[in-house]
N, C-alpha and C. Protein backbone atom coordinates (compact mmCIF):
# COMPACT_ATOMS: atom_id res chain seq x y z
N MET A 1 -79.82 207.31 -18.07
CA MET A 1 -78.45 207.85 -18.60
C MET A 1 -78.54 207.55 -20.25
N THR A 2 -78.73 205.98 -20.82
CA THR A 2 -78.66 205.74 -22.19
C THR A 2 -79.32 206.90 -22.91
N ARG A 3 -80.49 207.62 -22.32
CA ARG A 3 -81.18 208.32 -23.06
C ARG A 3 -80.51 209.98 -23.18
N ALA A 4 -79.52 210.10 -22.53
CA ALA A 4 -78.97 211.43 -22.17
C ALA A 4 -78.48 211.62 -23.50
N PRO A 5 -78.66 212.71 -24.42
CA PRO A 5 -78.48 213.16 -25.66
C PRO A 5 -77.16 213.87 -25.93
N GLY A 6 -76.47 214.04 -24.81
CA GLY A 6 -75.51 214.89 -24.87
C GLY A 6 -74.22 214.42 -24.85
N ARG A 7 -72.82 215.10 -25.05
CA ARG A 7 -71.60 214.14 -24.79
C ARG A 7 -71.32 213.96 -23.38
N TYR A 8 -71.49 214.95 -22.53
CA TYR A 8 -71.08 214.60 -21.10
C TYR A 8 -72.57 214.48 -20.30
N ILE A 9 -72.16 213.94 -19.41
CA ILE A 9 -73.57 213.48 -18.21
C ILE A 9 -72.77 214.24 -17.06
N ALA A 10 -73.56 215.09 -16.36
CA ALA A 10 -73.37 215.88 -15.24
C ALA A 10 -74.25 215.41 -14.07
N GLN A 11 -73.56 215.08 -12.70
CA GLN A 11 -74.14 214.56 -11.68
C GLN A 11 -74.26 215.66 -10.50
N LEU A 12 -75.34 215.78 -9.98
CA LEU A 12 -75.30 216.19 -8.78
C LEU A 12 -75.98 215.53 -7.37
N ASP A 13 -75.66 216.08 -6.04
CA ASP A 13 -76.49 215.31 -5.07
C ASP A 13 -78.06 215.88 -5.44
N GLY A 14 -78.98 215.33 -4.42
CA GLY A 14 -80.52 215.93 -4.50
C GLY A 14 -81.10 216.53 -3.38
N ASP A 15 -79.97 216.64 -2.34
CA ASP A 15 -80.41 217.68 -1.10
C ASP A 15 -79.68 218.91 -1.13
N LEU A 16 -79.18 219.70 -2.23
CA LEU A 16 -78.59 220.81 -2.52
C LEU A 16 -77.33 221.03 -1.50
N GLN A 17 -76.69 220.10 -1.05
CA GLN A 17 -75.55 220.30 -0.47
C GLN A 17 -74.20 220.48 -1.34
N ASN A 18 -74.42 219.96 -2.49
CA ASN A 18 -73.05 220.40 -3.59
C ASN A 18 -73.87 221.60 -4.24
N ASP A 19 -72.91 222.19 -4.98
CA ASP A 19 -73.11 223.56 -5.35
C ASP A 19 -73.33 223.16 -7.34
N PRO A 20 -74.31 223.67 -7.60
CA PRO A 20 -74.40 223.64 -8.97
C PRO A 20 -73.56 224.42 -10.07
N SER A 21 -73.04 225.44 -9.18
CA SER A 21 -71.78 226.25 -9.72
C SER A 21 -70.29 225.82 -10.29
N ASP A 22 -70.37 224.60 -9.52
CA ASP A 22 -68.69 223.80 -9.94
C ASP A 22 -69.04 223.50 -11.49
N LEU A 23 -70.55 223.02 -11.92
CA LEU A 23 -70.48 222.48 -13.07
C LEU A 23 -69.78 222.89 -14.40
N PRO A 24 -69.94 224.32 -14.67
CA PRO A 24 -69.36 224.97 -15.68
C PRO A 24 -67.56 224.82 -15.77
N ARG A 25 -66.98 224.95 -14.55
CA ARG A 25 -65.70 224.78 -14.77
C ARG A 25 -65.19 223.27 -14.90
N MET A 26 -66.23 222.25 -13.99
CA MET A 26 -66.09 220.72 -14.48
C MET A 26 -66.25 220.48 -15.95
N LEU A 27 -67.15 221.09 -16.67
CA LEU A 27 -67.54 220.77 -18.07
C LEU A 27 -66.18 221.43 -18.96
N GLU A 28 -65.73 222.34 -18.42
CA GLU A 28 -64.67 223.01 -19.41
C GLU A 28 -63.61 221.82 -19.10
N LEU A 29 -62.82 221.73 -17.74
CA LEU A 29 -62.24 220.62 -17.83
C LEU A 29 -62.10 219.24 -18.47
N ALA A 30 -63.62 218.53 -18.63
CA ALA A 30 -63.99 217.60 -19.50
C ALA A 30 -63.71 217.77 -20.98
N ARG A 31 -63.82 219.14 -21.58
CA ARG A 31 -63.75 219.27 -22.82
C ARG A 31 -62.47 219.42 -23.12
N GLN A 32 -61.59 219.83 -22.10
CA GLN A 32 -60.33 219.86 -22.38
C GLN A 32 -59.33 218.21 -22.68
N GLY A 33 -60.12 217.26 -22.67
CA GLY A 33 -59.60 215.93 -22.64
C GLY A 33 -59.65 215.04 -21.23
N HIS A 34 -60.41 215.22 -20.36
CA HIS A 34 -60.76 214.41 -19.29
C HIS A 34 -61.97 213.39 -19.78
N ASP A 35 -62.10 212.30 -19.38
CA ASP A 35 -63.30 211.70 -19.69
C ASP A 35 -64.06 211.88 -18.51
N ALA A 36 -63.58 211.90 -17.10
CA ALA A 36 -64.31 212.28 -15.69
C ALA A 36 -63.59 213.43 -14.98
N VAL A 37 -64.45 214.51 -14.87
CA VAL A 37 -64.07 215.38 -14.06
C VAL A 37 -65.01 215.26 -12.61
N LEU A 38 -64.21 214.82 -11.23
CA LEU A 38 -64.73 214.23 -9.93
C LEU A 38 -64.36 215.20 -8.90
N GLY A 39 -65.60 215.80 -8.18
CA GLY A 39 -65.35 216.60 -7.31
C GLY A 39 -65.14 215.96 -6.22
N TYR A 40 -64.51 216.72 -4.83
CA TYR A 40 -64.09 216.11 -3.64
C TYR A 40 -64.55 217.42 -2.78
N ARG A 41 -64.94 217.00 -1.63
CA ARG A 41 -65.36 217.95 -1.14
C ARG A 41 -64.15 218.24 0.07
N GLU A 42 -63.60 219.30 -0.03
CA GLU A 42 -62.43 219.60 0.86
C GLU A 42 -62.69 220.06 2.48
N GLN A 43 -63.96 221.12 2.30
CA GLN A 43 -64.37 221.50 3.36
C GLN A 43 -65.97 221.21 3.61
N ARG A 44 -66.02 220.33 4.52
CA ARG A 44 -67.29 219.82 4.49
C ARG A 44 -68.22 220.32 5.86
N TYR A 45 -69.62 220.28 5.56
CA TYR A 45 -70.54 220.74 6.55
C TYR A 45 -71.23 219.57 7.24
N ASP A 46 -70.70 218.70 7.20
CA ASP A 46 -71.65 217.53 7.84
C ASP A 46 -71.22 217.38 9.14
N ARG A 47 -71.76 217.06 10.22
CA ARG A 47 -71.65 216.23 11.46
C ARG A 47 -70.27 215.62 11.50
N PRO A 48 -69.88 215.97 12.79
CA PRO A 48 -68.18 215.39 13.03
C PRO A 48 -68.37 213.36 12.74
N ALA A 49 -69.35 213.03 13.22
CA ALA A 49 -69.74 211.76 13.10
C ALA A 49 -69.56 211.05 11.41
N ARG A 50 -70.38 211.72 10.88
CA ARG A 50 -70.42 211.81 9.42
C ARG A 50 -68.97 211.92 8.74
N ARG A 51 -68.59 213.12 8.99
CA ARG A 51 -66.92 213.01 8.53
C ARG A 51 -66.17 212.00 8.76
N THR A 52 -66.20 211.61 10.22
CA THR A 52 -65.29 210.58 10.35
C THR A 52 -65.54 209.43 9.78
N ALA A 53 -66.64 208.92 9.54
CA ALA A 53 -67.36 207.56 9.09
C ALA A 53 -66.79 207.92 7.52
N SER A 54 -66.91 208.89 7.11
CA SER A 54 -66.69 209.19 5.62
C SER A 54 -65.08 208.85 4.99
N TRP A 55 -64.42 209.36 6.31
CA TRP A 55 -62.82 209.21 5.97
C TRP A 55 -62.39 207.38 6.27
N MET A 56 -63.42 207.13 6.83
CA MET A 56 -62.89 205.99 7.38
C MET A 56 -63.33 204.98 6.03
N ALA A 57 -64.06 205.14 5.62
CA ALA A 57 -64.57 204.13 4.41
C ALA A 57 -63.69 204.60 3.13
N ASN A 58 -63.68 205.90 3.08
CA ASN A 58 -62.90 206.18 1.78
C ASN A 58 -61.34 205.35 2.04
N ALA A 59 -60.78 205.36 3.42
CA ALA A 59 -59.72 204.84 3.35
C ALA A 59 -59.59 203.28 3.08
N ILE A 60 -60.51 202.49 3.79
CA ILE A 60 -60.95 201.30 3.47
C ILE A 60 -61.06 200.91 2.15
N ARG A 61 -62.04 201.70 1.60
CA ARG A 61 -61.93 201.61 -0.19
C ARG A 61 -60.59 201.59 -0.88
N ARG A 62 -60.17 202.64 -0.57
CA ARG A 62 -58.72 202.76 -0.97
C ARG A 62 -57.89 201.63 -0.95
N ALA A 63 -57.63 200.82 0.43
CA ALA A 63 -56.96 200.16 0.25
C ALA A 63 -57.27 198.48 -0.11
N VAL A 64 -58.59 198.37 -0.33
CA VAL A 64 -58.95 197.51 -0.98
C VAL A 64 -59.12 197.49 -2.59
N LEU A 65 -59.50 198.54 -3.00
CA LEU A 65 -59.83 198.82 -4.33
C LEU A 65 -58.26 199.28 -5.35
N HIS A 66 -57.56 199.62 -4.26
CA HIS A 66 -56.23 200.41 -5.00
C HIS A 66 -56.24 201.58 -5.75
N ASP A 67 -57.31 202.31 -5.46
CA ASP A 67 -57.81 203.67 -6.39
C ASP A 67 -57.19 204.75 -5.69
N HIS A 68 -57.10 205.77 -6.08
CA HIS A 68 -56.53 207.25 -5.75
C HIS A 68 -57.74 207.94 -5.56
N ILE A 69 -59.11 207.87 -5.72
CA ILE A 69 -59.96 208.71 -5.35
C ILE A 69 -59.86 209.23 -4.01
N ARG A 70 -60.27 210.79 -3.89
CA ARG A 70 -60.06 211.35 -2.65
C ARG A 70 -61.50 211.36 -1.84
N ASP A 71 -62.61 211.65 -2.56
CA ASP A 71 -63.83 211.33 -1.93
C ASP A 71 -64.71 211.00 -2.63
N ILE A 72 -65.04 209.71 -2.56
CA ILE A 72 -65.93 208.72 -3.42
C ILE A 72 -67.32 209.28 -2.93
N GLY A 73 -67.50 210.11 -2.26
CA GLY A 73 -68.65 210.42 -1.46
C GLY A 73 -69.33 211.62 -2.24
N CYS A 74 -68.65 212.31 -2.82
CA CYS A 74 -68.87 213.77 -3.33
C CYS A 74 -69.47 213.31 -4.58
N SER A 75 -70.81 213.69 -5.19
CA SER A 75 -71.39 213.43 -6.37
C SER A 75 -71.58 214.36 -7.31
N THR A 76 -70.69 215.37 -6.65
CA THR A 76 -70.58 216.42 -8.10
C THR A 76 -69.75 215.90 -9.25
N ARG A 77 -70.05 215.95 -10.28
CA ARG A 77 -68.91 215.26 -11.45
C ARG A 77 -69.64 215.55 -12.82
N VAL A 78 -68.75 215.64 -13.55
CA VAL A 78 -68.93 215.56 -14.87
C VAL A 78 -68.46 214.37 -15.57
N VAL A 79 -69.38 213.53 -16.41
CA VAL A 79 -68.16 212.38 -16.97
C VAL A 79 -68.88 212.13 -18.55
N ARG A 80 -67.85 211.48 -19.31
CA ARG A 80 -68.27 211.79 -20.83
C ARG A 80 -69.12 210.75 -20.86
N ARG A 81 -70.14 210.99 -21.76
CA ARG A 81 -71.07 209.75 -21.81
C ARG A 81 -70.55 208.28 -22.40
N GLU A 82 -69.72 208.45 -23.15
CA GLU A 82 -69.23 207.37 -23.86
C GLU A 82 -68.51 206.51 -22.22
N ALA A 83 -68.04 206.96 -21.59
CA ALA A 83 -67.25 206.55 -20.19
C ALA A 83 -68.19 205.87 -19.35
N MET A 84 -69.51 206.71 -19.07
CA MET A 84 -70.66 206.04 -18.50
C MET A 84 -71.15 204.91 -18.99
N LEU A 85 -71.46 205.10 -20.27
CA LEU A 85 -71.99 203.94 -20.97
C LEU A 85 -71.12 202.60 -20.71
N ALA A 86 -70.03 202.81 -21.05
CA ALA A 86 -69.11 201.86 -21.24
C ALA A 86 -68.74 200.60 -20.19
N LEU A 87 -69.37 201.29 -18.57
CA LEU A 87 -69.35 200.60 -17.29
C LEU A 87 -70.62 199.80 -17.33
N SER A 88 -70.33 198.70 -16.55
CA SER A 88 -71.45 197.81 -16.23
C SER A 88 -72.24 198.50 -15.49
N PRO A 89 -73.57 198.52 -15.85
CA PRO A 89 -74.85 198.84 -14.65
C PRO A 89 -74.81 198.41 -13.73
N VAL A 90 -74.47 198.55 -12.38
CA VAL A 90 -74.85 197.91 -11.51
C VAL A 90 -75.75 198.44 -10.37
N PRO A 91 -77.05 197.92 -9.88
CA PRO A 91 -77.64 198.58 -9.02
C PRO A 91 -77.18 199.13 -7.77
N ASN A 92 -77.28 200.19 -7.35
CA ASN A 92 -76.37 200.63 -5.71
C ASN A 92 -75.05 200.69 -5.63
N LEU A 93 -74.29 200.78 -6.84
CA LEU A 93 -72.93 200.90 -7.09
C LEU A 93 -72.51 202.43 -7.57
N ASN A 94 -73.65 203.28 -7.53
CA ASN A 94 -73.35 204.20 -8.19
C ASN A 94 -72.05 205.15 -7.44
N ARG A 95 -72.05 205.05 -6.07
CA ARG A 95 -71.14 206.04 -5.24
C ARG A 95 -69.69 205.34 -5.60
N TYR A 96 -69.69 204.10 -5.98
CA TYR A 96 -68.69 203.58 -6.86
C TYR A 96 -67.90 204.16 -8.16
N LEU A 97 -68.58 204.82 -8.90
CA LEU A 97 -68.58 205.23 -10.06
C LEU A 97 -67.38 205.62 -10.29
N PRO A 98 -66.57 206.48 -9.60
CA PRO A 98 -65.39 207.40 -9.57
C PRO A 98 -64.32 206.37 -9.57
N ALA A 99 -64.21 205.24 -8.75
CA ALA A 99 -63.11 204.23 -8.75
C ALA A 99 -63.31 203.33 -9.61
N LEU A 100 -64.40 203.13 -10.41
CA LEU A 100 -64.69 202.38 -11.67
C LEU A 100 -63.94 203.16 -12.67
N LEU A 101 -64.20 204.08 -12.75
CA LEU A 101 -63.61 204.93 -14.00
C LEU A 101 -62.38 204.93 -13.98
N GLU A 102 -61.38 205.23 -12.84
CA GLU A 102 -60.36 205.33 -12.67
C GLU A 102 -59.71 203.84 -13.27
N ARG A 103 -60.34 202.49 -12.62
CA ARG A 103 -59.81 201.30 -12.46
C ARG A 103 -59.86 200.83 -14.04
N SER A 104 -61.19 201.37 -14.64
CA SER A 104 -61.03 200.83 -16.16
C SER A 104 -60.35 201.84 -17.14
N GLY A 105 -59.56 202.58 -16.67
CA GLY A 105 -58.32 203.06 -17.47
C GLY A 105 -58.82 204.52 -18.04
N TRP A 106 -60.03 205.32 -17.51
CA TRP A 106 -60.43 206.22 -18.64
C TRP A 106 -59.75 207.43 -17.45
N ARG A 107 -59.53 208.60 -18.21
CA ARG A 107 -58.45 209.61 -17.80
C ARG A 107 -59.52 210.38 -16.86
N ILE A 108 -59.32 210.74 -15.47
CA ILE A 108 -59.88 211.24 -14.78
C ILE A 108 -59.15 212.31 -14.00
N VAL A 109 -59.70 213.43 -13.59
CA VAL A 109 -59.25 214.58 -12.97
C VAL A 109 -59.95 214.96 -11.77
N GLN A 110 -59.59 215.03 -10.65
CA GLN A 110 -60.06 215.63 -9.17
C GLN A 110 -60.06 216.92 -8.89
N VAL A 111 -61.31 217.69 -8.59
CA VAL A 111 -61.50 219.08 -8.32
C VAL A 111 -61.92 219.61 -7.26
N ARG A 112 -61.59 220.31 -6.79
CA ARG A 112 -62.51 220.50 -5.40
C ARG A 112 -63.83 220.95 -5.62
N ALA A 113 -64.91 220.65 -4.74
CA ALA A 113 -66.11 221.33 -5.19
C ALA A 113 -66.97 221.88 -4.00
N ILE A 114 -67.67 222.74 -4.05
CA ILE A 114 -67.97 223.48 -3.10
C ILE A 114 -69.38 222.31 -2.34
N HIS A 115 -69.31 222.59 -0.86
CA HIS A 115 -70.31 221.81 -0.17
C HIS A 115 -70.84 222.35 1.02
N HIS A 116 -72.20 222.60 0.86
CA HIS A 116 -73.09 223.80 1.92
C HIS A 116 -73.58 222.47 2.85
N PRO A 117 -73.91 223.21 4.06
CA PRO A 117 -74.49 222.76 5.05
C PRO A 117 -75.96 222.54 4.76
N ARG A 118 -76.51 221.18 5.38
CA ARG A 118 -77.74 220.51 4.82
C ARG A 118 -78.84 221.43 5.46
N LEU A 119 -79.32 222.33 4.39
CA LEU A 119 -80.75 223.01 4.72
C LEU A 119 -82.02 222.14 5.24
N CYS A 120 -82.18 221.33 4.45
CA CYS A 120 -83.61 220.77 4.27
C CYS A 120 -83.44 219.29 4.34
N GLY A 121 -84.47 218.32 4.78
CA GLY A 121 -84.44 216.95 4.58
C GLY A 121 -83.79 216.44 5.63
N ARG A 122 -83.56 215.03 5.55
CA ARG A 122 -82.84 214.48 6.06
C ARG A 122 -81.87 213.28 5.09
N SER A 123 -80.97 212.65 6.05
CA SER A 123 -80.14 211.56 5.23
C SER A 123 -81.16 210.42 4.96
N LYS A 124 -80.80 209.50 4.06
CA LYS A 124 -81.54 208.42 4.08
C LYS A 124 -80.72 207.53 4.66
N TYR A 125 -79.79 207.76 5.27
CA TYR A 125 -78.59 206.65 6.06
C TYR A 125 -78.09 207.23 7.29
N ASP A 126 -78.01 206.02 8.08
CA ASP A 126 -77.05 206.36 9.52
C ASP A 126 -76.15 205.94 9.45
N ASN A 127 -75.01 206.29 10.02
CA ASN A 127 -73.70 205.22 10.07
C ASN A 127 -73.44 203.86 9.94
N LEU A 128 -74.34 203.23 10.63
CA LEU A 128 -74.27 201.94 10.87
C LEU A 128 -74.68 201.44 9.74
N ARG A 129 -76.15 201.60 9.34
CA ARG A 129 -76.71 200.81 8.08
C ARG A 129 -75.72 201.28 6.78
N ARG A 130 -75.55 202.17 6.77
CA ARG A 130 -74.40 202.76 5.70
C ARG A 130 -73.35 202.15 5.77
N GLY A 131 -72.72 202.01 6.91
CA GLY A 131 -71.56 200.77 6.83
C GLY A 131 -71.57 199.61 6.61
N LEU A 132 -72.47 198.67 7.18
CA LEU A 132 -73.00 197.42 6.79
C LEU A 132 -73.28 197.29 5.15
N GLN A 133 -74.08 198.35 4.85
CA GLN A 133 -74.58 198.23 3.17
C GLN A 133 -73.31 198.17 2.19
N GLY A 134 -72.21 199.59 3.13
CA GLY A 134 -70.85 199.55 2.22
C GLY A 134 -70.25 198.47 2.45
N ILE A 135 -69.99 197.52 3.13
CA ILE A 135 -69.19 196.25 3.12
C ILE A 135 -69.45 195.57 1.87
N VAL A 136 -70.89 195.10 1.90
CA VAL A 136 -71.26 194.25 0.71
C VAL A 136 -71.24 194.93 -0.83
N ASP A 137 -71.58 196.02 -0.66
CA ASP A 137 -71.20 196.91 -1.98
C ASP A 137 -69.77 196.85 -2.48
N LEU A 138 -69.16 196.87 -1.45
CA LEU A 138 -67.52 196.78 -1.49
C LEU A 138 -66.80 195.71 -2.12
N ILE A 139 -67.38 194.49 -1.83
CA ILE A 139 -67.08 193.28 -1.99
C ILE A 139 -67.54 193.04 -3.53
N ARG A 140 -68.58 193.58 -3.44
CA ARG A 140 -69.11 193.22 -5.35
C ARG A 140 -68.57 194.42 -6.01
N MET A 141 -68.27 195.58 -5.28
CA MET A 141 -67.33 196.47 -6.39
C MET A 141 -65.87 196.19 -6.47
N ALA A 142 -65.13 195.33 -5.72
CA ALA A 142 -63.79 194.66 -5.84
C ALA A 142 -64.06 193.82 -6.91
N ARG A 143 -65.11 192.80 -6.98
CA ARG A 143 -65.00 191.89 -7.96
C ARG A 143 -65.34 192.62 -9.22
N LEU A 144 -66.17 193.72 -9.51
CA LEU A 144 -66.65 194.38 -10.54
C LEU A 144 -65.25 194.81 -11.14
N ALA A 145 -64.60 195.77 -10.15
CA ALA A 145 -63.39 196.60 -10.82
C ALA A 145 -62.45 195.72 -11.30
N ALA A 146 -62.20 194.46 -10.65
CA ALA A 146 -61.04 193.48 -11.32
C ALA A 146 -61.54 193.31 -13.00
N GLN A 147 -62.68 193.01 -13.02
CA GLN A 147 -63.26 192.62 -14.06
C GLN A 147 -62.89 193.55 -15.02
N HIS A 148 -63.29 195.12 -14.96
CA HIS A 148 -62.99 196.19 -15.82
C HIS A 148 -61.71 196.43 -15.88
N ALA A 149 -60.66 196.07 -14.77
CA ALA A 149 -59.32 196.41 -14.95
C ALA A 149 -58.79 195.67 -16.10
N ARG A 150 -59.37 194.32 -16.17
CA ARG A 150 -58.92 193.50 -17.10
C ARG A 150 -59.38 193.99 -18.54
N GLN A 151 -60.57 194.46 -18.75
CA GLN A 151 -61.03 194.70 -19.97
C GLN A 151 -60.25 195.94 -20.40
N ALA A 152 -60.02 196.88 -19.58
CA ALA A 152 -58.95 198.24 -19.90
C ALA A 152 -57.40 197.43 -20.23
N GLU A 153 -57.18 196.48 -19.68
CA GLU A 153 -55.74 196.29 -20.01
C GLU A 153 -55.69 195.49 -21.42
N SER A 154 -56.83 194.60 -21.67
CA SER A 154 -57.03 194.25 -22.92
C SER A 154 -57.20 195.43 -23.97
N ARG A 155 -58.03 196.71 -23.67
CA ARG A 155 -58.10 197.42 -24.80
C ARG A 155 -56.58 198.19 -24.81
N THR A 156 -55.76 198.39 -23.84
CA THR A 156 -54.62 199.24 -23.70
C THR A 156 -53.83 198.20 -24.59
N HIS A 157 -53.66 197.16 -24.48
CA HIS A 157 -52.42 195.92 -25.11
C HIS A 157 -53.24 195.10 -26.28
N GLY A 158 -54.60 195.55 -26.69
CA GLY A 158 -54.90 194.99 -27.92
C GLY A 158 -55.16 193.41 -27.92
N VAL A 159 -55.31 192.90 -26.74
CA VAL A 159 -55.25 191.64 -26.32
C VAL A 159 -56.79 191.25 -26.72
């Protein structure tokens, strides 16, 4: 990321479930003044158990972090390079990037992203393993989000 020369950084998933055709529209929104344009999967093509687990994880995360991110698991996004570089790099917390951006005071907008059925490969996570790791990550993220909120407050008020 630090080597990315452009003004914006675009991200997609690696298993082709997210559609790259969303990126030009998202880039245009970023150019209109948003620091981050975040996708959300309104119509998902995952198994019912995966959708249910995702819904529960999003609800728990919103309750703990007090964020307004619809779908933290959607990796389709365009973020201004400056915003990405301002965040503390934390291993394995990429999924929480949208919540951290919001908590840090960056201007975000959420847009519908196209989601496709998985055509090849397998997920690296099952619901149990993902849930257990998610709890540990959420605790780490809550601490980090509080730190970033304090920094955003001091930037806004010049403290």
